[in-house]
Amino acid sequence: MNASQHNADIQYKESFITECSITNNVINMGTGAVLKHELEVSVSEPIPSDTPDEKEAYVKLILDGTYEAQDDSNARCKYHMEVQGAFAAKKTVPDDVFMKRLWFNGSSTLYGIARAKMEVISAMILNNGKISLPMLNMFELLKEQFAEAEKKETQK
């Protein structure tokens, strides 16, 4: 299949961790560890770019969770990480198309980067092992996030 016909029309520019805190009360996790993981995605409005024929926007992921032993409630590693990434598109790409690409392709790209960063950081903190965040179906996660936001909005 010709992959070039499915180009996402956005480019990854850069990413950075804006917040990261890990509280580690784990001496030795063992094999019965459970990961509880939450993720929230947000996307900025398009902003002017330094390149005259491009527009840019940011995608932000907020990751929160715990990695804990099932048999010891005190053996827990709690984390919070905020990761932002800048993405660009040609000015000729309509804003609504750009926004859709940011929500899906941008968040998928940034989550892959966040997974790698979490593995490296947690491998340095934990006595043995690391936190391997699960692969996600970003489409379903975003669909659920939008439904929850809409529900909150109608309850106001």
Protein backbone atom coordinates (compact mmCIF):
# COMPACT_ATOMS: atom_id res chain seq x y z
CA MET A 1 0.00 0.00 0.00
CA ASN A 2 1.27 3.47 -0.86
CA ALA A 3 1.74 5.13 2.55
CA SER A 4 2.35 8.59 1.08
CA GLN A 5 -1.32 8.90 0.17
CA HIS A 6 -2.14 8.81 3.90
CA ASN A 7 0.12 11.69 4.92
CA ALA A 8 -1.16 13.39 8.10
CA ASP A 9 -0.25 16.90 6.85
CA ILE A 10 1.42 17.81 10.16
CA GLN A 11 5.04 17.76 11.25
CA TYR A 12 6.47 17.12 14.69
CA LYS A 13 8.69 20.04 15.75
CA GLU A 14 9.75 19.40 19.36
CA SER A 15 8.60 18.12 22.74
CA PHE A 16 9.51 18.76 26.34
CA ILE A 17 8.51 17.74 29.85
CA THR A 18 6.96 20.71 31.65
CA GLU A 19 6.25 18.89 34.93
CA CYS A 20 7.44 15.62 36.37
CA SER A 21 7.13 14.27 39.88
CA ILE A 22 7.67 10.71 41.03
CA THR A 23 7.17 9.60 44.62
CA ASN A 24 8.77 6.23 45.10
CA ASN A 25 8.06 4.14 48.19
CA VAL A 26 9.05 0.90 46.47
CA ILE A 27 11.95 -1.17 47.70
CA ASN A 28 11.35 -4.23 45.55
CA MET A 29 8.23 -4.49 43.43
CA GLY A 30 8.29 -8.20 42.60
CA THR A 31 6.07 -9.79 39.96
CA GLY A 32 2.62 -8.81 41.27
CA ALA A 33 2.80 -5.09 40.49
CA VAL A 34 -0.26 -3.30 39.14
CA LEU A 35 -0.17 -0.14 37.02
CA LYS A 36 -3.07 2.30 37.30
CA HIS A 37 -2.74 4.87 34.56
CA GLU A 38 -4.71 7.98 33.56
CA LEU A 39 -4.18 10.27 30.58
CA GLU A 40 -5.67 13.61 29.57
CA VAL A 41 -5.06 15.24 26.19
CA SER A 42 -5.45 18.90 25.25
CA VAL A 43 -4.67 20.85 22.09
CA SER A 44 -3.98 24.59 21.75
CA GLU A 45 -5.44 26.85 19.11
CA PRO A 46 -3.13 27.42 16.12
CA ILE A 47 -0.44 30.02 16.79
CA PRO A 48 1.79 31.99 14.41
CA SER A 49 4.93 30.23 13.28
CA ASP A 50 8.43 31.56 12.69
CA THR A 51 8.10 30.09 9.21
CA PRO A 52 5.80 32.31 7.10
CA ASP A 53 4.04 29.48 5.24
CA GLU A 54 3.31 27.39 8.40
CA LYS A 55 1.04 27.46 11.41
CA GLU A 56 1.81 25.72 14.69
CA ALA A 57 -0.05 24.38 17.72
CA TYR A 58 0.77 22.49 20.90
CA VAL A 59 -0.48 19.16 22.16
CA LYS A 60 -0.30 18.56 25.90
CA LEU A 61 -0.53 15.23 27.71
CA ILE A 62 -1.07 14.90 31.45
CA LEU A 63 -0.15 11.46 32.75
CA ASP A 64 -0.98 10.38 36.29
CA GLY A 65 -0.78 6.98 37.87
CA THR A 66 0.51 4.56 40.41
CA TYR A 67 2.60 1.43 40.16
CA GLU A 68 2.02 -0.61 43.29
CA ALA A 69 2.44 -4.02 44.84
CA GLN A 70 -0.81 -5.91 45.28
CA ASP A 71 0.15 -7.30 48.68
CA ASP A 72 1.63 -4.13 50.22
CA SER A 73 -0.32 -0.86 50.01
CA ASN A 74 2.77 1.09 51.11
CA ALA A 75 4.90 -0.22 48.23
CA ARG A 76 3.89 2.30 45.59
CA CYS A 77 5.46 4.53 42.99
CA LYS A 78 3.21 7.48 42.15
CA TYR A 79 3.86 9.66 39.10
CA HIS A 80 2.66 12.84 37.43
CA MET A 81 4.09 13.98 34.11
CA GLU A 82 3.08 16.75 31.74
CA VAL A 83 4.53 16.60 28.25
CA GLN A 84 4.01 19.18 25.51
CA GLY A 85 4.83 18.92 21.85
CA ALA A 86 4.82 21.46 19.04
CA PHE A 87 3.43 20.50 15.65
CA ALA A 88 3.22 22.46 12.41
CA ALA A 89 1.26 22.36 9.15
CA LYS A 90 1.26 24.38 5.96
CA LYS A 91 -0.99 27.44 6.17
CA THR A 92 -3.00 25.97 3.29
CA VAL A 93 -4.23 23.12 5.55
CA PRO A 94 -7.66 24.18 6.88
CA ASP A 95 -7.76 24.81 10.64
CA ASP A 96 -10.41 22.12 11.26
CA VAL A 97 -8.26 19.50 9.47
CA PHE A 98 -5.17 20.67 11.37
CA MET A 99 -7.02 20.40 14.69
CA LYS A 100 -8.22 16.86 13.92
CA ARG A 101 -4.68 15.82 13.03
CA LEU A 102 -3.37 17.37 16.25
CA TRP A 103 -5.91 15.57 18.42
CA PHE A 104 -5.28 12.17 16.92
CA ASN A 105 -1.85 12.09 15.24
CA GLY A 106 -0.24 14.65 17.56
CA SER A 107 -1.45 12.96 20.74
CA SER A 108 -0.43 9.51 19.44
CA THR A 109 3.06 10.77 18.58
CA LEU A 110 3.48 12.54 21.91
CA TYR A 111 2.23 9.55 23.90
CA GLY A 112 4.88 7.37 22.28
CA ILE A 113 7.51 9.88 23.36
CA ALA A 114 6.05 10.06 26.89
CA ARG A 115 6.11 6.25 27.17
CA ALA A 116 9.82 6.20 26.32
CA LYS A 117 10.63 9.02 28.76
CA MET A 118 8.71 7.27 31.57
CA GLU A 119 10.62 4.02 30.99
CA VAL A 120 13.99 5.78 31.17
CA ILE A 121 13.14 7.87 34.24
CA SER A 122 11.51 5.01 36.16
CA ALA A 123 14.38 2.61 35.37
CA MET A 124 16.70 5.04 37.17
CA ILE A 125 14.39 5.34 40.18
CA LEU A 126 13.11 1.80 40.78
CA ASN A 127 15.38 -0.76 42.40
CA ASN A 128 14.67 -3.15 39.54
CA GLY A 129 12.30 -2.95 36.62
CA LYS A 130 10.65 0.07 35.06
CA ILE A 131 7.21 1.51 34.42
CA SER A 132 6.11 0.48 30.95
CA LEU A 133 3.01 2.47 30.07
CA PRO A 134 0.54 0.49 27.94
CA MET A 135 -0.04 1.11 24.26
CA LEU A 136 -3.34 2.93 23.85
CA ASN A 137 -6.12 3.11 21.31
CA MET A 138 -5.96 6.90 21.14
CA PHE A 139 -9.13 7.11 19.04
CA GLU A 140 -11.21 5.41 21.76
CA LEU A 141 -9.50 7.33 24.58
CA LEU A 142 -10.22 10.68 22.90
CA LYS A 143 -13.79 9.66 22.12
CA GLU A 144 -14.31 8.91 25.83
CA GLN A 145 -12.59 12.18 26.87
CA PHE A 146 -14.84 14.21 24.53
CA ALA A 147 -17.97 12.42 25.82
CA GLU A 148 -17.02 13.15 29.44
CA ALA A 149 -16.35 16.83 28.63
CA GLU A 150 -19.69 17.11 26.83
CA LYS A 151 -21.48 15.47 29.77
CA LYS A 152 -19.90 17.96 32.20
CA GLU A 153 -20.86 20.86 29.93
CA THR A 154 -24.55 19.79 29.77
CA GLN A 155 -24.69 19.40 33.57
CA LYS A 156 -23.77 23.07 34.08
